[in-house]
Amino acid sequence: MMDAKKALTENDGDMEAAVDWLRTKGLAKAAKKSGRTAAEGLVAVKVEGGKGVAVEVNSETDFRWQKR
């Protein structure tokens, strides 16, 4: 919500420019995270009626938020 408010403020209330600003900001955040490895996660497998599905879920742990 605060990002949306800031985007509108930065772009003098122009909704289209604010949307573009938010997209650019989101891409910059994604680029920062692209080199990280998501090494935690799990794998689930389900086989039924001759058909199977395998699902892999990876996650990245952010240790900054853990209590010390």
C-alpha atoms as a PDB file:
ATOM      1  CA  MET A   1       0.000   0.000   0.000  1.00  0.00           C
ATOM      2  CA  MET A   2       2.818   2.370   0.867  1.00  0.00           C
ATOM      3  CA  ASP A   3       4.556   1.617  -2.434  1.00  0.00           C
ATOM      4  CA  ALA A   4       1.381   2.534  -4.318  1.00  0.00           C
ATOM      5  CA  LYS A   5       1.093   5.809  -2.421  1.00  0.00           C
ATOM      6  CA  LYS A   6       4.755   6.603  -3.046  1.00  0.00           C
ATOM      7  CA  ALA A   7       4.379   5.764  -6.753  1.00  0.00           C
ATOM      8  CA  LEU A   8       1.460   8.166  -7.088  1.00  0.00           C
ATOM      9  CA  THR A   9       3.317  10.869  -5.158  1.00  0.00           C
ATOM     10  CA  GLU A  10       6.472  10.437  -7.265  1.00  0.00           C
ATOM     11  CA  ASN A  11       4.410  10.698 -10.456  1.00  0.00           C
ATOM     12  CA  ASP A  12       2.134  13.612  -9.455  1.00  0.00           C
ATOM     13  CA  GLY A  13      -0.992  11.432  -9.351  1.00  0.00           C
ATOM     14  CA  ASP A  14      -0.537  10.066 -12.891  1.00  0.00           C
ATOM     15  CA  MET A  15      -1.908   6.514 -12.591  1.00  0.00           C
ATOM     16  CA  GLU A  16      -0.223   5.137 -15.744  1.00  0.00           C
ATOM     17  CA  ALA A  17       3.172   6.563 -14.794  1.00  0.00           C
ATOM     18  CA  ALA A  18       2.742   5.198 -11.251  1.00  0.00           C
ATOM     19  CA  VAL A  19       2.053   1.704 -12.624  1.00  0.00           C
ATOM     20  CA  ASP A  20       5.190   1.894 -14.778  1.00  0.00           C
ATOM     21  CA  TRP A  21       7.177   3.131 -11.747  1.00  0.00           C
ATOM     22  CA  LEU A  22       5.965   0.166  -9.668  1.00  0.00           C
ATOM     23  CA  ARG A  23       6.824  -2.303 -12.446  1.00  0.00           C
ATOM     24  CA  THR A  24      10.331  -0.870 -12.749  1.00  0.00           C
ATOM     25  CA  LYS A  25      10.805  -1.045  -8.993  1.00  0.00           C
ATOM     26  CA  GLY A  26       9.580  -4.670  -8.959  1.00  0.00           C
ATOM     27  CA  LEU A  27      11.963  -5.662 -11.755  1.00  0.00           C
ATOM     28  CA  ALA A  28      14.875  -4.113  -9.870  1.00  0.00           C
ATOM     29  CA  LYS A  29      13.994  -6.133  -6.753  1.00  0.00           C
ATOM     30  CA  ALA A  30      13.675  -9.328  -8.811  1.00  0.00           C
ATOM     31  CA  ALA A  31      17.054  -8.744 -10.457  1.00  0.00           C
ATOM     32  CA  LYS A  32      18.700  -8.453  -7.038  1.00  0.00           C
ATOM     33  CA  LYS A  33      17.266 -11.820  -6.000  1.00  0.00           C
ATOM     34  CA  SER A  34      17.912 -13.684  -9.248  1.00  0.00           C
ATOM     35  CA  GLY A  35      21.408 -14.808  -8.235  1.00  0.00           C
ATOM     36  CA  ARG A  36      20.303 -16.327  -4.947  1.00  0.00           C
ATOM     37  CA  THR A  37      19.897 -20.056  -4.479  1.00  0.00           C
ATOM     38  CA  ALA A  38      16.676 -21.410  -3.028  1.00  0.00           C
ATOM     39  CA  ALA A  39      18.157 -24.468  -1.355  1.00  0.00           C
ATOM     40  CA  GLU A  40      15.383 -25.287   1.122  1.00  0.00           C
ATOM     41  CA  GLY A  41      12.193 -27.005   0.110  1.00  0.00           C
ATOM     42  CA  LEU A  42      10.434 -30.287  -0.489  1.00  0.00           C
ATOM     43  CA  VAL A  43       9.385 -32.719  -3.185  1.00  0.00           C
ATOM     44  CA  ALA A  44       6.054 -34.543  -3.304  1.00  0.00           C
ATOM     45  CA  VAL A  45       5.087 -37.403  -5.610  1.00  0.00           C
ATOM     46  CA  LYS A  46       1.585 -38.803  -6.173  1.00  0.00           C
ATOM     47  CA  VAL A  47       0.821 -41.784  -8.401  1.00  0.00           C
ATOM     48  CA  GLU A  48      -2.757 -42.906  -8.946  1.00  0.00           C
ATOM     49  CA  GLY A  49      -4.523 -44.769 -11.738  1.00  0.00           C
ATOM     50  CA  GLY A  50      -1.415 -45.070 -13.882  1.00  0.00           C
ATOM     51  CA  LYS A  51      -0.721 -41.320 -13.790  1.00  0.00           C
ATOM     52  CA  GLY A  52       1.825 -39.511 -11.683  1.00  0.00           C
ATOM     53  CA  VAL A  53       2.658 -36.015 -10.591  1.00  0.00           C
ATOM     54  CA  ALA A  54       5.873 -34.699  -9.044  1.00  0.00           C
ATOM     55  CA  VAL A  55       5.989 -31.264  -7.421  1.00  0.00           C
ATOM     56  CA  GLU A  56       9.108 -29.477  -6.211  1.00  0.00           C
ATOM     57  CA  VAL A  57       8.802 -26.393  -4.003  1.00  0.00           C
ATOM     58  CA  ASN A  58      11.950 -24.423  -3.198  1.00  0.00           C
ATOM     59  CA  SER A  59      12.174 -21.582  -0.743  1.00  0.00           C
ATOM     60  CA  GLU A  60      14.680 -19.016   0.354  1.00  0.00           C
ATOM     61  CA  THR A  61      15.068 -18.428   4.081  1.00  0.00           C
ATOM     62  CA  ASP A  62      15.596 -14.846   5.171  1.00  0.00           C
ATOM     63  CA  PHE A  63      17.544 -15.022   8.411  1.00  0.00           C
ATOM     64  CA  ARG A  64      17.232 -11.289   9.065  1.00  0.00           C
ATOM     65  CA  TRP A  65      13.729 -11.825  10.470  1.00  0.00           C
ATOM     66  CA  GLN A  66      14.594 -14.598  12.915  1.00  0.00           C
ATOM     67  CA  LYS A  67      14.618 -13.836  16.608  1.00  0.00           C
ATOM     68  CA  ARG A  68      18.020 -13.889  18.211  1.00  0.00           C
END
